[in-house]
Amino acid sequence: MSLKKLAVFLLVPVFSLSMIFNQSAFAESYIGLGLGVSLPQDVTDIKGTTAAGVAGTGTDVSADDAFSYGIKAGHYFNSVPWFGVEMNIYQRDNDVDQQTATATGTAGILNGTAGQLKVDVNSVTTIGFLAMVRATEEQSKNLLNLQPYFGLGFGVNIVDLGEGSTFTTAEVANGSTNLESDTDVGILVSAGLNYKIFDNLKAYGEYKYTDGNFEHKGSDDVTYKYDAGGSNLTFGVAYNF
């Protein structure tokens, strides 16, 4: 087990228990739903390694923008009203559409030739745990009821892939493999604005960024690794209680 994956099992229970044991001290709890768009960065450092240790590498490829949706819940403390904690979950499916790519070496679908690559992405899910800071209610009154907030923490990123395929420059199928899912922990940053609609209802818009290093075993017995990250823009409503 990698150190990053071990951190998930250690940090998640600690974070959850701290929320439970401090619940009586919270000034405000909230739950929100949001819809948005996922804006991924290029997929980089692509590498395949066979069981015998033979390696192949691929050039960077671009993933598609995609629709996203999510839910969040959090609490702000009574003694420090500008500080809180939040857990959020959001999901998207940024496919890598067929595009020009070049491989060096020979490992599975990375077969050492110029051509094209396509990868089906079933889903990408991020489970985030954040420490939050925000403007207080008094400060928001001076900002036309806009309440800026910022969060910093970590995201448990779960990438479920489907089939990866390569093609020649003439777009003739050249090879394929079915890829397993993988989980990695990366930094998660969040920033946004709340707008009070009613006493217990706020509209919000927020930006999130996360990244990760992933490793997938293919049906061709090749292990594929790559780095991926991206931004997410979400708009939604949150209920305070």
C-alpha atoms as a PDB file:
ATOM      1  CA  MET A   1       0.000   0.000   0.000  1.00  0.00           C
ATOM      2  CA  SER A   2       1.376   3.435  -0.971  1.00  0.00           C
ATOM      3  CA  LEU A   3       1.866   6.179   1.606  1.00  0.00           C
ATOM      4  CA  LYS A   4      -0.828   8.276  -0.070  1.00  0.00           C
ATOM      5  CA  LYS A   5      -3.399   5.499   0.153  1.00  0.00           C
ATOM      6  CA  LEU A   6      -2.412   4.812   3.766  1.00  0.00           C
ATOM      7  CA  ALA A   7      -3.084   8.483   4.502  1.00  0.00           C
ATOM      8  CA  VAL A   8      -6.703   8.018   3.421  1.00  0.00           C
ATOM      9  CA  PHE A   9      -7.336   5.363   6.065  1.00  0.00           C
ATOM     10  CA  LEU A  10      -5.595   7.414   8.763  1.00  0.00           C
ATOM     11  CA  LEU A  11      -6.852  10.928   8.030  1.00  0.00           C
ATOM     12  CA  VAL A  12     -10.486  10.249   7.133  1.00  0.00           C
ATOM     13  CA  PRO A  13     -11.413   8.689  10.521  1.00  0.00           C
ATOM     14  CA  VAL A  14      -9.557  11.433  12.405  1.00  0.00           C
ATOM     15  CA  PHE A  15     -11.339  14.137  10.396  1.00  0.00           C
ATOM     16  CA  SER A  16     -14.749  12.508  10.842  1.00  0.00           C
ATOM     17  CA  LEU A  17     -14.332  11.975  14.594  1.00  0.00           C
ATOM     18  CA  SER A  18     -13.307  15.593  15.114  1.00  0.00           C
ATOM     19  CA  MET A  19     -16.544  16.691  13.438  1.00  0.00           C
ATOM     20  CA  ILE A  20     -18.643  14.398  15.627  1.00  0.00           C
ATOM     21  CA  PHE A  21     -17.013  15.265  18.958  1.00  0.00           C
ATOM     22  CA  ASN A  22     -17.135  19.027  18.310  1.00  0.00           C
ATOM     23  CA  GLN A  23     -20.661  19.166  16.956  1.00  0.00           C
ATOM     24  CA  SER A  24     -22.073  20.914  20.030  1.00  0.00           C
ATOM     25  CA  ALA A  25     -19.707  23.834  19.470  1.00  0.00           C
ATOM     26  CA  PHE A  26     -20.786  24.594  15.909  1.00  0.00           C
ATOM     27  CA  ALA A  27     -22.501  27.882  15.138  1.00  0.00           C
ATOM     28  CA  GLU A  28     -23.744  26.753  11.762  1.00  0.00           C
ATOM     29  CA  SER A  29     -24.154  23.567   9.763  1.00  0.00           C
ATOM     30  CA  TYR A  30     -24.975  23.407   6.068  1.00  0.00           C
ATOM     31  CA  ILE A  31     -25.612  21.048   3.196  1.00  0.00           C
ATOM     32  CA  GLY A  32     -25.463  22.005  -0.458  1.00  0.00           C
ATOM     33  CA  LEU A  33     -26.083  20.634  -3.950  1.00  0.00           C
ATOM     34  CA  GLY A  34     -24.344  21.876  -7.074  1.00  0.00           C
ATOM     35  CA  LEU A  35     -23.968  21.430 -10.828  1.00  0.00           C
ATOM     36  CA  GLY A  36     -21.085  22.590 -12.957  1.00  0.00           C
ATOM     37  CA  VAL A  37     -18.353  21.874 -15.436  1.00  0.00           C
ATOM     38  CA  SER A  38     -15.057  20.008 -15.080  1.00  0.00           C
ATOM     39  CA  LEU A  39     -12.022  21.532 -16.842  1.00  0.00           C
ATOM     40  CA  PRO A  40      -9.190  18.975 -16.820  1.00  0.00           C
ATOM     41  CA  GLN A  41      -5.517  19.621 -17.424  1.00  0.00           C
ATOM     42  CA  ASP A  42      -3.518  17.522 -19.892  1.00  0.00           C
ATOM     43  CA  VAL A  43      -2.777  13.940 -18.894  1.00  0.00           C
ATOM     44  CA  THR A  44       1.022  13.814 -18.525  1.00  0.00           C
ATOM     45  CA  ASP A  45       3.913  11.447 -17.738  1.00  0.00           C
ATOM     46  CA  ILE A  46       2.165   8.494 -19.385  1.00  0.00           C
ATOM     47  CA  LYS A  47       4.104   5.264 -18.940  1.00  0.00           C
ATOM     48  CA  GLY A  48       3.418   1.558 -19.374  1.00  0.00           C
ATOM     49  CA  THR A  49       5.457  -1.259 -17.851  1.00  0.00           C
ATOM     50  CA  THR A  50       5.138  -4.965 -18.616  1.00  0.00           C
ATOM     51  CA  ALA A  51       5.521  -7.737 -16.039  1.00  0.00           C
ATOM     52  CA  ALA A  52       9.029  -8.288 -17.430  1.00  0.00           C
ATOM     53  CA  GLY A  53       9.939  -4.644 -16.793  1.00  0.00           C
ATOM     54  CA  VAL A  54       9.807  -3.460 -20.421  1.00  0.00           C
ATOM     55  CA  ALA A  55       8.632   0.163 -20.513  1.00  0.00           C
ATOM     56  CA  GLY A  56       6.945   2.430 -23.015  1.00  0.00           C
ATOM     57  CA  THR A  57       6.038   6.095 -22.731  1.00  0.00           C
ATOM     58  CA  GLY A  58       3.424   8.275 -24.409  1.00  0.00           C
ATOM     59  CA  THR A  59       3.106  11.939 -25.219  1.00  0.00           C
ATOM     60  CA  ASP A  60       0.701  14.134 -23.259  1.00  0.00           C
ATOM     61  CA  VAL A  61      -2.982  13.945 -24.225  1.00  0.00           C
ATOM     62  CA  SER A  62      -5.985  16.164 -23.547  1.00  0.00           C
ATOM     63  CA  ALA A  63      -9.145  15.104 -21.728  1.00  0.00           C
ATOM     64  CA  ASP A  64     -12.556  16.588 -22.558  1.00  0.00           C
ATOM     65  CA  ASP A  65     -14.448  19.131 -20.509  1.00  0.00           C
ATOM     66  CA  ALA A  66     -17.408  17.428 -18.838  1.00  0.00           C
ATOM     67  CA  PHE A  67     -20.591  18.036 -16.866  1.00  0.00           C
ATOM     68  CA  SER A  68     -20.124  17.628 -13.101  1.00  0.00           C
ATOM     69  CA  TYR A  69     -22.358  17.387 -10.045  1.00  0.00           C
ATOM     70  CA  GLY A  70     -21.789  17.163  -6.329  1.00  0.00           C
ATOM     71  CA  ILE A  71     -22.884  17.531  -2.739  1.00  0.00           C
ATOM     72  CA  LYS A  72     -21.202  19.137   0.262  1.00  0.00           C
ATOM     73  CA  ALA A  73     -21.788  19.384   4.005  1.00  0.00           C
ATOM     74  CA  GLY A  74     -19.937  21.400   6.600  1.00  0.00           C
ATOM     75  CA  HIS A  75     -19.873  23.159   9.949  1.00  0.00           C
ATOM     76  CA  TYR A  76     -18.561  26.465  11.287  1.00  0.00           C
ATOM     77  CA  PHE A  77     -17.522  26.818  14.925  1.00  0.00           C
ATOM     78  CA  ASN A  78     -19.297  28.981  17.485  1.00  0.00           C
ATOM     79  CA  SER A  79     -16.089  30.189  19.146  1.00  0.00           C
ATOM     80  CA  VAL A  80     -14.396  30.968  15.809  1.00  0.00           C
ATOM     81  CA  PRO A  81     -17.252  31.813  13.392  1.00  0.00           C
ATOM     82  CA  TRP A  82     -14.926  32.363  10.425  1.00  0.00           C
ATOM     83  CA  PHE A  83     -13.424  28.848  10.654  1.00  0.00           C
ATOM     84  CA  GLY A  84     -15.023  25.509   9.789  1.00  0.00           C
ATOM     85  CA  VAL A  85     -14.656  22.094   8.189  1.00  0.00           C
ATOM     86  CA  GLU A  86     -16.274  20.631   5.083  1.00  0.00           C
ATOM     87  CA  MET A  87     -16.683  17.323   3.312  1.00  0.00           C
ATOM     88  CA  ASN A  88     -17.684  17.333  -0.345  1.00  0.00           C
ATOM     89  CA  ILE A  89     -18.124  14.811  -3.142  1.00  0.00           C
ATOM     90  CA  TYR A  90     -18.221  15.623  -6.842  1.00  0.00           C
ATOM     91  CA  GLN A  91     -18.214  13.458  -9.945  1.00  0.00           C
ATOM     92  CA  ARG A  92     -17.437  13.860 -13.663  1.00  0.00           C
ATOM     93  CA  ASP A  93     -16.370  11.708 -16.656  1.00  0.00           C
ATOM     94  CA  ASN A  94     -13.687  13.424 -18.755  1.00  0.00           C
ATOM     95  CA  ASP A  95     -13.114  11.059 -21.694  1.00  0.00           C
ATOM     96  CA  VAL A  96      -9.895  11.210 -23.719  1.00  0.00           C
ATOM     97  CA  ASP A  97     -11.293  11.395 -27.247  1.00  0.00           C
ATOM     98  CA  GLN A  98      -9.346   9.950 -30.152  1.00  0.00           C
ATOM     99  CA  GLN A  99      -6.360  12.237 -30.806  1.00  0.00           C
ATOM    100  CA  THR A 100      -2.818  12.290 -32.105  1.00  0.00           C
ATOM    101  CA  ALA A 101      -0.257  10.661 -29.796  1.00  0.00           C
ATOM    102  CA  THR A 102       3.227   9.210 -30.092  1.00  0.00           C
ATOM    103  CA  ALA A 103       4.779   6.384 -28.078  1.00  0.00           C
ATOM    104  CA  THR A 104       8.382   5.344 -27.502  1.00  0.00           C
ATOM    105  CA  GLY A 105       9.368   1.881 -26.350  1.00  0.00           C
ATOM    106  CA  THR A 106       6.936  -1.031 -26.482  1.00  0.00           C
ATOM    107  CA  ALA A 107       4.545  -1.864 -23.641  1.00  0.00           C
ATOM    108  CA  GLY A 108       0.966  -2.857 -24.389  1.00  0.00           C
ATOM    109  CA  ILE A 109      -0.890  -0.208 -26.353  1.00  0.00           C
ATOM    110  CA  LEU A 110       2.184   2.038 -26.086  1.00  0.00           C
ATOM    111  CA  ASN A 111       3.750   0.291 -29.060  1.00  0.00           C
ATOM    112  CA  GLY A 112       6.495   2.685 -30.106  1.00  0.00           C
ATOM    113  CA  THR A 113       4.776   4.309 -33.093  1.00  0.00           C
ATOM    114  CA  ALA A 114       3.088   7.567 -34.030  1.00  0.00           C
ATOM    115  CA  GLY A 115      -0.683   7.318 -34.225  1.00  0.00           C
ATOM    116  CA  GLN A 116      -3.750   8.066 -32.151  1.00  0.00           C
ATOM    117  CA  LEU A 117      -4.995   7.269 -28.645  1.00  0.00           C
ATOM    118  CA  LYS A 118      -8.458   7.039 -27.094  1.00  0.00           C
ATOM    119  CA  VAL A 119      -9.439   6.256 -23.483  1.00  0.00           C
ATOM    120  CA  ASP A 120     -12.984   5.804 -22.182  1.00  0.00           C
ATOM    121  CA  VAL A 121     -13.477   7.226 -18.690  1.00  0.00           C
ATOM    122  CA  ASN A 122     -16.422   5.760 -16.781  1.00  0.00           C
ATOM    123  CA  SER A 123     -16.195   8.225 -13.885  1.00  0.00           C
ATOM    124  CA  VAL A 124     -13.879  10.413 -11.844  1.00  0.00           C
ATOM    125  CA  THR A 125     -14.991  10.949  -8.239  1.00  0.00           C
ATOM    126  CA  THR A 126     -13.366  13.216  -5.662  1.00  0.00           C
ATOM    127  CA  ILE A 127     -14.160  12.940  -1.946  1.00  0.00           C
ATOM    128  CA  GLY A 128     -12.806  16.097  -0.350  1.00  0.00           C
ATOM    129  CA  PHE A 129     -11.954  17.024   3.250  1.00  0.00           C
ATOM    130  CA  LEU A 130     -11.285  20.718   3.803  1.00  0.00           C
ATOM    131  CA  ALA A 131     -10.467  23.260   6.477  1.00  0.00           C
ATOM    132  CA  MET A 132     -12.546  26.357   5.631  1.00  0.00           C
ATOM    133  CA  VAL A 133     -12.292  30.088   6.313  1.00  0.00           C
ATOM    134  CA  ARG A 134     -14.954  32.650   5.379  1.00  0.00           C
ATOM    135  CA  ALA A 135     -16.084  36.203   5.907  1.00  0.00           C
ATOM    136  CA  THR A 136     -18.309  36.626   8.969  1.00  0.00           C
ATOM    137  CA  GLU A 137     -21.956  37.700   8.744  1.00  0.00           C
ATOM    138  CA  GLU A 138     -21.016  41.255   9.781  1.00  0.00           C
ATOM    139  CA  GLN A 139     -18.307  41.447   7.143  1.00  0.00           C
ATOM    140  CA  SER A 140     -20.710  40.110   4.497  1.00  0.00           C
ATOM    141  CA  LYS A 141     -23.148  42.944   5.151  1.00  0.00           C
ATOM    142  CA  ASN A 142     -20.454  45.344   3.973  1.00  0.00           C
ATOM    143  CA  LEU A 143     -19.963  43.234   0.828  1.00  0.00           C
ATOM    144  CA  LEU A 144     -23.573  43.455  -0.449  1.00  0.00           C
ATOM    145  CA  ASN A 145     -24.364  40.116   1.243  1.00  0.00           C
ATOM    146  CA  LEU A 146     -21.599  38.357  -0.676  1.00  0.00           C
ATOM    147  CA  GLN A 147     -19.615  36.003   1.552  1.00  0.00           C
ATOM    148  CA  PRO A 148     -16.225  34.886   0.178  1.00  0.00           C
ATOM    149  CA  TYR A 149     -14.755  31.618   1.456  1.00  0.00           C
ATOM    150  CA  PHE A 150     -11.634  29.525   0.948  1.00  0.00           C
ATOM    151  CA  GLY A 151     -10.821  25.895   1.695  1.00  0.00           C
ATOM    152  CA  LEU A 152      -7.637  23.839   1.754  1.00  0.00           C
ATOM    153  CA  GLY A 153      -7.326  20.098   2.320  1.00  0.00           C
ATOM    154  CA  PHE A 154      -7.039  16.821   0.439  1.00  0.00           C
ATOM    155  CA  GLY A 155      -9.142  14.949  -2.068  1.00  0.00           C
ATOM    156  CA  VAL A 156      -9.477  11.182  -2.426  1.00  0.00           C
ATOM    157  CA  ASN A 157      -9.622  10.829  -6.225  1.00  0.00           C
ATOM    158  CA  ILE A 158     -11.167   7.657  -7.644  1.00  0.00           C
ATOM    159  CA  VAL A 159     -10.690   7.156 -11.404  1.00  0.00           C
ATOM    160  CA  ASP A 160     -12.662   4.365 -13.082  1.00  0.00           C
ATOM    161  CA  LEU A 161     -11.452   3.759 -16.643  1.00  0.00           C
ATOM    162  CA  GLY A 162     -12.905   1.648 -19.423  1.00  0.00           C
ATOM    163  CA  GLU A 163     -11.109   0.710 -22.627  1.00  0.00           C
ATOM    164  CA  GLY A 164      -7.891   2.297 -23.852  1.00  0.00           C
ATOM    165  CA  SER A 165      -7.282   2.016 -27.605  1.00  0.00           C
ATOM    166  CA  THR A 166      -4.613   3.031 -30.088  1.00  0.00           C
ATOM    167  CA  PHE A 167      -4.878   3.594 -33.834  1.00  0.00           C
ATOM    168  CA  THR A 168      -2.475   4.104 -36.694  1.00  0.00           C
ATOM    169  CA  THR A 169      -2.161   7.510 -38.358  1.00  0.00           C
ATOM    170  CA  ALA A 170      -4.654   6.149 -40.922  1.00  0.00           C
ATOM    171  CA  GLU A 171      -7.093   5.568 -38.002  1.00  0.00           C
ATOM    172  CA  VAL A 172      -6.873   1.772 -38.234  1.00  0.00           C
ATOM    173  CA  ALA A 173      -7.259   0.005 -34.854  1.00  0.00           C
ATOM    174  CA  ASN A 174      -3.859  -0.970 -33.518  1.00  0.00           C
ATOM    175  CA  GLY A 175      -4.513  -2.376 -30.048  1.00  0.00           C
ATOM    176  CA  SER A 176      -6.698  -2.063 -26.955  1.00  0.00           C
ATOM    177  CA  THR A 177      -6.836  -2.941 -23.272  1.00  0.00           C
ATOM    178  CA  ASN A 178      -9.437  -2.808 -20.512  1.00  0.00           C
ATOM    179  CA  LEU A 179      -8.221  -0.724 -17.586  1.00  0.00           C
ATOM    180  CA  GLU A 180      -9.018  -1.125 -13.891  1.00  0.00           C
ATOM    181  CA  SER A 181      -9.874   1.699 -11.484  1.00  0.00           C
ATOM    182  CA  ASP A 182      -7.386   3.421  -9.157  1.00  0.00           C
ATOM    183  CA  THR A 183      -7.479   5.715  -6.108  1.00  0.00           C
ATOM    184  CA  ASP A 184      -5.010   8.440  -5.195  1.00  0.00           C
ATOM    185  CA  VAL A 185      -4.854  11.292  -2.685  1.00  0.00           C
ATOM    186  CA  GLY A 186      -4.071  14.809  -3.881  1.00  0.00           C
ATOM    187  CA  ILE A 187      -4.291  18.385  -2.694  1.00  0.00           C
ATOM    188  CA  LEU A 188      -7.754  19.980  -2.866  1.00  0.00           C
ATOM    189  CA  VAL A 189      -8.267  23.752  -3.006  1.00  0.00           C
ATOM    190  CA  SER A 190     -11.649  25.477  -2.973  1.00  0.00           C
ATOM    191  CA  ALA A 191     -12.662  29.129  -3.269  1.00  0.00           C
ATOM    192  CA  GLY A 192     -16.089  30.658  -3.730  1.00  0.00           C
ATOM    193  CA  LEU A 193     -18.810  33.135  -2.913  1.00  0.00           C
ATOM    194  CA  ASN A 194     -22.076  32.674  -0.995  1.00  0.00           C
ATOM    195  CA  TYR A 195     -25.067  34.951  -1.561  1.00  0.00           C
ATOM    196  CA  LYS A 196     -27.846  34.970   1.022  1.00  0.00           C
ATOM    197  CA  ILE A 197     -31.289  34.436  -0.534  1.00  0.00           C
ATOM    198  CA  PHE A 198     -33.149  33.803   2.732  1.00  0.00           C
ATOM    199  CA  ASP A 199     -31.955  33.392   6.324  1.00  0.00           C
ATOM    200  CA  ASN A 200     -31.429  29.645   5.807  1.00  0.00           C
ATOM    201  CA  LEU A 201     -30.739  29.514   2.085  1.00  0.00           C
ATOM    202  CA  LYS A 202     -27.687  30.649   0.132  1.00  0.00           C
ATOM    203  CA  ALA A 203     -26.706  30.456  -3.518  1.00  0.00           C
ATOM    204  CA  TYR A 204     -23.056  29.768  -4.164  1.00  0.00           C
ATOM    205  CA  GLY A 205     -20.483  29.604  -6.917  1.00  0.00           C
ATOM    206  CA  GLU A 206     -17.140  27.957  -6.321  1.00  0.00           C
ATOM    207  CA  TYR A 207     -13.904  26.827  -7.913  1.00  0.00           C
ATOM    208  CA  LYS A 208     -12.075  23.625  -6.940  1.00  0.00           C
ATOM    209  CA  TYR A 209      -8.731  22.180  -7.998  1.00  0.00           C
ATOM    210  CA  THR A 210      -7.252  18.746  -7.353  1.00  0.00           C
ATOM    211  CA  ASP A 211      -4.600  16.468  -8.854  1.00  0.00           C
ATOM    212  CA  GLY A 212      -3.220  12.956  -8.549  1.00  0.00           C
ATOM    213  CA  ASN A 213      -0.826  10.257  -9.747  1.00  0.00           C
ATOM    214  CA  PHE A 214      -2.632   7.165 -10.986  1.00  0.00           C
ATOM    215  CA  GLU A 215      -1.760   3.557 -11.775  1.00  0.00           C
ATOM    216  CA  HIS A 216      -4.051   1.159 -13.655  1.00  0.00           C
ATOM    217  CA  LYS A 217      -3.557  -2.528 -14.451  1.00  0.00           C
ATOM    218  CA  GLY A 218      -4.632  -3.398 -17.984  1.00  0.00           C
ATOM    219  CA  SER A 219      -6.132  -6.623 -19.270  1.00  0.00           C
ATOM    220  CA  ASP A 220      -2.895  -6.948 -21.293  1.00  0.00           C
ATOM    221  CA  ASP A 221      -0.950  -7.348 -17.984  1.00  0.00           C
ATOM    222  CA  VAL A 222       0.690  -3.955 -18.459  1.00  0.00           C
ATOM    223  CA  THR A 223       0.670  -1.388 -15.653  1.00  0.00           C
ATOM    224  CA  TYR A 224      -0.094   2.132 -16.906  1.00  0.00           C
ATOM    225  CA  LYS A 225       0.812   5.248 -14.914  1.00  0.00           C
ATOM    226  CA  TYR A 226       0.070   8.934 -15.495  1.00  0.00           C
ATOM    227  CA  ASP A 227      -0.496  12.272 -13.771  1.00  0.00           C
ATOM    228  CA  ALA A 228      -3.824  14.084 -14.055  1.00  0.00           C
ATOM    229  CA  GLY A 229      -5.542  17.039 -12.427  1.00  0.00           C
ATOM    230  CA  GLY A 230      -8.004  19.762 -13.165  1.00  0.00           C
ATOM    231  CA  SER A 231     -10.389  22.475 -12.138  1.00  0.00           C
ATOM    232  CA  ASN A 232     -14.106  22.386 -11.432  1.00  0.00           C
ATOM    233  CA  LEU A 233     -16.622  25.249 -11.526  1.00  0.00           C
ATOM    234  CA  THR A 234     -19.814  24.613  -9.543  1.00  0.00           C
ATOM    235  CA  PHE A 235     -23.009  26.627  -8.946  1.00  0.00           C
ATOM    236  CA  GLY A 236     -25.618  25.561  -6.449  1.00  0.00           C
ATOM    237  CA  VAL A 237     -27.636  26.236  -3.322  1.00  0.00           C
ATOM    238  CA  ALA A 238     -26.894  25.468   0.319  1.00  0.00           C
ATOM    239  CA  TYR A 239     -29.295  25.144   3.257  1.00  0.00           C
ATOM    240  CA  ASN A 240     -28.058  26.351   6.664  1.00  0.00           C
ATOM    241  CA  PHE A 241     -29.357  24.935   9.941  1.00  0.00           C
END
